[in-house]
Amino acid sequence: MSTISLRLPESIHKRVKELAKSEGISINQLISTALAEKLSALLTKEYLEERAKRGSRKKFDKALSKVKEKGPQP
């Protein structure tokens, strides 16, 4: 595990401290979890953008044409 020094405005530090306490976790754990969630969102967006570049409207239409026409279920 690595260590970083992080400078936060007092207002953010106060809120993080309060939130971590209310969740019953350490500030480090709260920040690590929040950062992991943000990374996950950014990497997912990047992954989907790359996949979209490989997409083909022609192949999509071909696959969709194989689906039987059916109305919505009640």
N, C-alpha and C. Protein backbone atom coordinates (compact mmCIF):
# COMPACT_ATOMS: atom_id res chain seq x y z
N MET A 1 0.85 -1.17 0.00
CA MET A 1 0.00 0.00 0.00
C MET A 1 0.90 1.24 0.00
N SER A 2 0.48 2.29 -0.67
CA SER A 2 1.28 3.51 -0.70
C SER A 2 0.63 4.61 0.12
N THR A 3 1.42 5.61 0.37
CA THR A 3 0.98 6.75 1.15
C THR A 3 1.09 8.00 0.30
N ILE A 4 0.08 8.87 0.39
CA ILE A 4 0.16 10.16 -0.29
C ILE A 4 -0.20 11.25 0.72
N SER A 5 0.32 12.43 0.45
CA SER A 5 -0.04 13.58 1.26
C SER A 5 -1.08 14.36 0.48
N LEU A 6 -2.19 14.65 1.13
CA LEU A 6 -3.30 15.29 0.44
C LEU A 6 -3.69 16.56 1.16
N ARG A 7 -3.75 17.64 0.44
CA ARG A 7 -4.18 18.91 1.03
C ARG A 7 -5.64 19.14 0.68
N LEU A 8 -6.44 19.35 1.71
CA LEU A 8 -7.87 19.60 1.54
C LEU A 8 -8.25 20.93 2.18
N PRO A 9 -9.18 21.63 1.59
CA PRO A 9 -9.71 22.80 2.27
C PRO A 9 -10.34 22.36 3.60
N GLU A 10 -10.28 23.23 4.59
CA GLU A 10 -10.82 22.89 5.92
C GLU A 10 -12.29 22.46 5.84
N SER A 11 -13.07 23.12 5.00
CA SER A 11 -14.50 22.78 4.91
C SER A 11 -14.71 21.35 4.42
N ILE A 12 -13.93 20.93 3.44
CA ILE A 12 -14.05 19.55 2.93
C ILE A 12 -13.55 18.57 3.98
N HIS A 13 -12.43 18.89 4.61
CA HIS A 13 -11.89 17.99 5.63
C HIS A 13 -12.89 17.79 6.76
N LYS A 14 -13.55 18.86 7.17
CA LYS A 14 -14.55 18.78 8.23
C LYS A 14 -15.70 17.86 7.82
N ARG A 15 -16.19 18.04 6.59
CA ARG A 15 -17.31 17.21 6.12
C ARG A 15 -16.90 15.75 5.98
N VAL A 16 -15.70 15.51 5.46
CA VAL A 16 -15.20 14.13 5.31
C VAL A 16 -15.08 13.47 6.68
N LYS A 17 -14.55 14.21 7.63
CA LYS A 17 -14.39 13.67 8.98
C LYS A 17 -15.76 13.31 9.58
N GLU A 18 -16.74 14.20 9.43
CA GLU A 18 -18.09 13.95 9.95
C GLU A 18 -18.73 12.75 9.26
N LEU A 19 -18.60 12.69 7.95
CA LEU A 19 -19.21 11.59 7.19
C LEU A 19 -18.57 10.25 7.55
N ALA A 20 -17.25 10.24 7.63
CA ALA A 20 -16.55 9.00 7.99
C ALA A 20 -17.01 8.52 9.38
N LYS A 21 -17.12 9.46 10.30
CA LYS A 21 -17.56 9.11 11.66
C LYS A 21 -18.97 8.54 11.64
N SER A 22 -19.86 9.18 10.88
CA SER A 22 -21.26 8.70 10.83
C SER A 22 -21.36 7.34 10.15
N GLU A 23 -20.44 7.04 9.24
CA GLU A 23 -20.43 5.74 8.56
C GLU A 23 -19.67 4.68 9.35
N GLY A 24 -18.96 5.11 10.38
CA GLY A 24 -18.19 4.16 11.20
C GLY A 24 -16.93 3.66 10.52
N ILE A 25 -16.35 4.51 9.67
CA ILE A 25 -15.12 4.14 8.96
C ILE A 25 -14.09 5.25 9.12
N SER A 26 -12.86 4.96 8.75
CA SER A 26 -11.81 5.98 8.83
C SER A 26 -11.90 6.93 7.65
N ILE A 27 -11.28 8.08 7.81
CA ILE A 27 -11.21 9.05 6.70
C ILE A 27 -10.49 8.42 5.52
N ASN A 28 -9.41 7.70 5.81
CA ASN A 28 -8.66 7.03 4.73
C ASN A 28 -9.55 6.07 3.95
N GLN A 29 -10.35 5.30 4.67
CA GLN A 29 -11.23 4.33 4.01
C GLN A 29 -12.28 5.04 3.17
N LEU A 30 -12.84 6.13 3.70
CA LEU A 30 -13.84 6.89 2.96
C LEU A 30 -13.25 7.46 1.67
N ILE A 31 -12.08 8.07 1.78
CA ILE A 31 -11.44 8.67 0.60
C ILE A 31 -11.04 7.58 -0.40
N SER A 32 -10.51 6.47 0.09
CA SER A 32 -10.13 5.37 -0.81
C SER A 32 -11.33 4.82 -1.56
N THR A 33 -12.45 4.66 -0.87
CA THR A 33 -13.67 4.15 -1.49
C THR A 33 -14.21 5.14 -2.52
N ALA A 34 -14.23 6.42 -2.15
CA ALA A 34 -14.72 7.45 -3.07
C ALA A 34 -13.85 7.52 -4.32
N LEU A 35 -12.55 7.44 -4.15
CA LEU A 35 -11.65 7.47 -5.29
C LEU A 35 -11.82 6.23 -6.17
N ALA A 36 -11.99 5.08 -5.55
CA ALA A 36 -12.21 3.84 -6.32
C ALA A 36 -13.49 3.93 -7.13
N GLU A 37 -14.55 4.49 -6.55
CA GLU A 37 -15.81 4.66 -7.28
C GLU A 37 -15.64 5.59 -8.46
N LYS A 38 -14.93 6.69 -8.27
CA LYS A 38 -14.70 7.65 -9.36
C LYS A 38 -13.87 7.02 -10.47
N LEU A 39 -12.81 6.31 -10.10
CA LEU A 39 -11.99 5.62 -11.10
C LEU A 39 -12.81 4.62 -11.90
N SER A 40 -13.66 3.88 -11.20
CA SER A 40 -14.50 2.90 -11.86
C SER A 40 -15.41 3.57 -12.89
N ALA A 41 -16.01 4.68 -12.51
CA ALA A 41 -16.90 5.40 -13.44
C ALA A 41 -16.13 5.90 -14.66
N LEU A 42 -14.96 6.49 -14.43
CA LEU A 42 -14.16 7.02 -15.54
C LEU A 42 -13.67 5.91 -16.47
N LEU A 43 -13.21 4.82 -15.87
CA LEU A 43 -12.70 3.71 -16.68
C LEU A 43 -13.82 3.03 -17.45
N THR A 44 -15.01 2.95 -16.85
CA THR A 44 -16.15 2.36 -17.55
C THR A 44 -16.53 3.22 -18.74
N LYS A 45 -16.55 4.52 -18.57
CA LYS A 45 -16.85 5.44 -19.67
C LYS A 45 -15.84 5.26 -20.80
N GLU A 46 -14.57 5.19 -20.42
CA GLU A 46 -13.50 5.00 -21.42
C GLU A 46 -13.68 3.67 -22.16
N TYR A 47 -13.98 2.61 -21.42
CA TYR A 47 -14.18 1.29 -22.01
C TYR A 47 -15.35 1.31 -23.00
N LEU A 48 -16.47 1.91 -22.58
CA LEU A 48 -17.64 1.95 -23.46
C LEU A 48 -17.40 2.79 -24.71
N GLU A 49 -16.64 3.87 -24.57
CA GLU A 49 -16.32 4.68 -25.74
C GLU A 49 -15.48 3.88 -26.74
N GLU A 50 -14.54 3.11 -26.23
CA GLU A 50 -13.71 2.27 -27.11
C GLU A 50 -14.55 1.20 -27.79
N ARG A 51 -15.45 0.57 -27.03
CA ARG A 51 -16.33 -0.45 -27.62
C ARG A 51 -17.24 0.16 -28.68
N ALA A 52 -17.74 1.37 -28.43
CA ALA A 52 -18.64 2.03 -29.38
C ALA A 52 -17.94 2.30 -30.71
N LYS A 53 -16.65 2.58 -30.65
CA LYS A 53 -15.89 2.83 -31.89
C LYS A 53 -15.85 1.59 -32.78
N ARG A 54 -15.93 0.41 -32.16
CA ARG A 54 -15.86 -0.84 -32.92
C ARG A 54 -17.23 -1.28 -33.42
N GLY A 55 -18.26 -0.56 -33.01
CA GLY A 55 -19.62 -0.95 -33.38
C GLY A 55 -19.90 -0.76 -34.85
N SER A 56 -20.88 -1.49 -35.34
CA SER A 56 -21.28 -1.41 -36.73
C SER A 56 -22.79 -1.35 -36.82
N ARG A 57 -23.30 -0.30 -37.42
CA ARG A 57 -24.75 -0.16 -37.58
C ARG A 57 -25.29 -1.30 -38.44
N LYS A 58 -24.54 -1.70 -39.45
CA LYS A 58 -24.97 -2.78 -40.34
C LYS A 58 -25.13 -4.09 -39.57
N LYS A 59 -24.15 -4.42 -38.72
CA LYS A 59 -24.24 -5.64 -37.92
C LYS A 59 -25.37 -5.56 -36.90
N PHE A 60 -25.56 -4.37 -36.33
CA PHE A 60 -26.65 -4.17 -35.38
C PHE A 60 -28.00 -4.42 -36.05
N ASP A 61 -28.21 -3.81 -37.21
CA ASP A 61 -29.47 -3.98 -37.94
C ASP A 61 -29.68 -5.44 -38.33
N LYS A 62 -28.61 -6.12 -38.72
CA LYS A 62 -28.72 -7.54 -39.09
C LYS A 62 -29.16 -8.38 -37.89
N ALA A 63 -28.56 -8.13 -36.73
CA ALA A 63 -28.93 -8.88 -35.52
C ALA A 63 -30.36 -8.55 -35.11
N LEU A 64 -30.73 -7.29 -35.20
CA LEU A 64 -32.07 -6.87 -34.82
C LEU A 64 -33.14 -7.46 -35.74
N SER A 65 -32.79 -7.68 -36.99
CA SER A 65 -33.75 -8.23 -37.96
C SER A 65 -34.13 -9.67 -37.62
N LYS A 66 -33.32 -10.33 -36.81
CA LYS A 66 -33.60 -11.72 -36.43
C LYS A 66 -34.61 -11.82 -35.28
N VAL A 67 -34.89 -10.69 -34.64
CA VAL A 67 -35.84 -10.67 -33.52
C VAL A 67 -37.25 -10.66 -34.08
N LYS A 68 -38.08 -11.56 -33.56
CA LYS A 68 -39.46 -11.65 -34.04
C LYS A 68 -40.25 -10.42 -33.57
N GLU A 69 -41.12 -9.95 -34.43
CA GLU A 69 -41.99 -8.83 -34.13
C GLU A 69 -43.01 -9.27 -33.09
N LYS A 70 -43.07 -8.58 -31.98
CA LYS A 70 -43.96 -8.96 -30.90
C LYS A 70 -44.36 -7.71 -30.14
N GLY A 71 -45.63 -7.62 -29.82
CA GLY A 71 -46.12 -6.47 -29.06
C GLY A 71 -45.72 -6.54 -27.60
N PRO A 72 -45.96 -5.45 -26.86
CA PRO A 72 -45.59 -5.45 -25.44
C PRO A 72 -46.49 -6.36 -24.63
N GLN A 73 -45.94 -6.90 -23.55
CA GLN A 73 -46.73 -7.74 -22.66
C GLN A 73 -47.65 -6.86 -21.84
N PRO A 74 -48.82 -7.38 -21.49
CA PRO A 74 -49.78 -6.58 -20.71
C PRO A 74 -49.25 -6.28 -19.31
